[in-house]
């Protein structure tokens, strides 16, 4: 029979994680930096991608073979210091982030509209593949 201990690993891990954060956690902070919501509305998709700490100039969007790849990079570092001048804890990301989304091979760069404001990148594109215009039959009268 298992009896829970008041000092099991989960409690001590939680205690230290809450105080020091999880510096050895498997990339959770970096993976969560580009949290994305996708909504379909009025015949188009709207993506909202959280990109805190980045400026418009830091972000690129590329469409290749049906994949929309969003990249962002910066090398800005800010340090928080205690009264002795030592960095106690830092969660600033420096470097490059990249994430790809399959949007369909039918899209072109002209179909995709992007806007960046307040740390949110909004991208809109048609949700349905464009259908080629069906050429209307033009009958020729035979005399």
Protein backbone atom coordinates (compact mmCIF):
# COMPACT_ATOMS: atom_id res chain seq x y z
CA UNK A 1 0.00 0.00 0.00
CA UNK A 2 1.32 3.43 -0.97
CA UNK A 3 1.23 6.13 1.68
CA UNK A 4 1.94 9.64 0.45
CA UNK A 5 4.77 11.44 2.14
CA UNK A 6 4.54 15.11 2.96
CA UNK A 7 8.08 15.46 1.62
CA UNK A 8 7.74 13.61 -1.67
CA UNK A 9 9.63 14.75 -4.76
CA UNK A 10 6.66 16.65 -6.17
CA UNK A 11 6.44 18.88 -3.12
CA UNK A 12 10.15 19.70 -2.98
CA UNK A 13 10.34 20.13 -6.75
CA UNK A 14 7.37 22.45 -6.64
CA UNK A 15 8.85 24.44 -3.76
CA UNK A 16 12.18 24.97 -5.51
CA UNK A 17 10.62 25.47 -8.94
CA UNK A 18 8.39 28.22 -7.61
CA UNK A 19 11.35 29.97 -6.01
CA UNK A 20 14.03 29.45 -8.65
CA UNK A 21 11.95 28.65 -11.72
CA UNK A 22 12.69 25.61 -13.85
CA UNK A 23 15.98 26.33 -15.58
CA UNK A 24 16.43 22.67 -16.53
CA UNK A 25 12.86 22.11 -17.73
CA UNK A 26 12.85 20.93 -21.36
CA UNK A 27 12.62 24.23 -23.22
CA UNK A 28 9.13 25.07 -21.92
CA UNK A 29 9.69 28.81 -21.81
CA UNK A 30 11.12 28.98 -25.30
CA UNK A 31 8.45 26.70 -26.75
CA UNK A 32 5.74 28.84 -25.19
CA UNK A 33 7.12 32.08 -26.58
CA UNK A 34 5.18 31.69 -29.85
CA UNK A 35 1.81 30.64 -28.50
CA UNK A 36 -0.68 30.63 -31.34
CA UNK A 37 -4.45 30.87 -31.70
CA UNK A 38 -6.09 30.15 -35.06
CA UNK A 39 -9.69 31.19 -35.73
CA UNK A 40 -11.74 30.62 -38.89
CA UNK A 41 -14.09 33.49 -39.64
CA UNK A 42 -15.77 34.86 -42.77
CA UNK A 43 -13.92 32.56 -45.17
CA UNK A 44 -10.46 33.21 -43.80
CA UNK A 45 -8.14 32.05 -41.05
CA UNK A 46 -6.76 34.52 -38.54
CA UNK A 47 -3.67 33.53 -36.61
CA UNK A 48 -2.65 35.40 -33.45
CA UNK A 49 0.91 34.63 -32.43
CA UNK A 50 2.29 35.92 -29.12
CA UNK A 51 5.76 37.37 -29.60
CA UNK A 52 6.55 39.34 -26.45
CA UNK A 53 9.81 41.23 -26.35
CA UNK A 54 10.21 41.38 -30.12
CA UNK A 55 9.91 44.38 -32.42
CA UNK A 56 8.44 44.37 -35.91
CA UNK A 57 11.97 44.63 -37.33
CA UNK A 58 12.96 41.39 -35.55
CA UNK A 59 10.28 39.29 -37.29
CA UNK A 60 10.23 37.65 -40.72
CA UNK A 61 7.53 35.58 -42.40
CA UNK A 62 8.31 33.28 -45.33
CA UNK A 63 6.00 31.13 -47.45
CA UNK A 64 7.60 28.09 -49.06
CA UNK A 65 5.94 24.92 -50.39
CA UNK A 66 2.75 25.51 -48.41
CA UNK A 67 4.50 26.23 -45.10
CA UNK A 68 4.40 29.65 -43.48
CA UNK A 69 7.53 30.03 -41.35
CA UNK A 70 7.68 32.76 -38.74
CA UNK A 71 11.13 33.66 -37.45
CA UNK A 72 12.14 36.20 -34.85
CA UNK A 73 15.55 37.03 -33.53
CA UNK A 74 17.22 39.49 -31.24
CA UNK A 75 20.41 39.68 -29.28
CA UNK A 76 19.30 42.22 -26.71
CA UNK A 77 20.20 41.28 -23.15
CA UNK A 78 18.90 42.95 -20.01
CA UNK A 79 20.01 41.90 -16.58
CA UNK A 80 18.26 42.26 -13.25
CA UNK A 81 20.73 42.82 -10.43
CA UNK A 82 20.42 42.67 -6.69
CA UNK A 83 22.06 45.31 -4.45
CA UNK A 84 25.47 43.67 -4.88
CA UNK A 85 25.20 43.76 -8.66
CA UNK A 86 24.82 39.99 -9.18
CA UNK A 87 22.27 38.59 -11.58
CA UNK A 88 19.82 36.66 -9.44
CA UNK A 89 17.54 35.34 -12.16
CA UNK A 90 17.04 36.06 -15.84
CA UNK A 91 14.29 34.96 -18.23
CA UNK A 92 15.26 37.07 -21.22
CA UNK A 93 15.39 35.20 -24.48
CA UNK A 94 18.16 36.05 -26.86
CA UNK A 95 18.70 34.32 -30.12
CA UNK A 96 16.25 33.13 -32.73
CA UNK A 97 12.84 31.50 -32.59
CA UNK A 98 11.23 29.77 -35.54
CA UNK A 99 7.93 28.02 -36.07
CA UNK A 100 6.29 26.68 -39.23
CA UNK A 101 2.60 26.27 -39.98
CA UNK A 102 1.15 24.38 -42.94
CA UNK A 103 -1.24 26.80 -44.64
CA UNK A 104 -1.75 25.04 -47.98
CA UNK A 105 0.12 24.92 -51.24
CA UNK A 106 -2.53 26.99 -53.00
CA UNK A 107 -1.59 30.23 -51.20
CA UNK A 108 0.72 32.90 -52.55
CA UNK A 109 2.43 35.75 -50.72
CA UNK A 110 -0.31 38.09 -51.98
CA UNK A 111 -2.98 36.01 -50.19
CA UNK A 112 -1.39 36.50 -46.77
CA UNK A 113 -1.74 39.71 -44.76
CA UNK A 114 0.25 40.30 -41.56
CA UNK A 115 0.15 42.98 -38.87
CA UNK A 116 2.24 43.29 -35.69
CA UNK A 117 1.08 45.31 -32.69
CA UNK A 118 1.52 45.10 -28.90
CA UNK A 119 3.57 41.88 -29.07
CA UNK A 120 0.95 40.04 -31.16
CA UNK A 121 1.53 39.05 -34.79
CA UNK A 122 -1.80 38.71 -36.61
CA UNK A 123 -1.85 36.87 -39.91
CA UNK A 124 -4.89 36.45 -42.17
CA UNK A 125 -5.29 34.23 -45.21
CA UNK A 126 -8.15 32.57 -47.13
CA UNK A 127 -9.45 29.36 -45.58
CA UNK A 128 -10.49 27.80 -48.85
CA UNK A 129 -8.52 27.06 -51.93
CA UNK A 130 -9.26 29.45 -54.74
CA UNK A 131 -11.17 27.75 -57.47
CA UNK A 132 -10.15 28.63 -60.98
CA UNK A 133 -12.76 30.59 -62.79
CA UNK A 134 -14.83 28.26 -64.91
CA UNK A 135 -14.83 29.48 -68.41
CA UNK A 136 -18.35 29.95 -69.63
CA UNK A 137 -19.21 28.03 -72.76
CA UNK A 138 -19.66 30.28 -75.73
CA UNK A 139 -21.63 28.58 -78.41
CA UNK A 140 -21.15 29.52 -81.97
CA UNK A 141 -24.21 29.45 -84.11
CA UNK A 142 -23.94 27.35 -87.21
CA UNK A 143 -25.75 28.68 -90.23
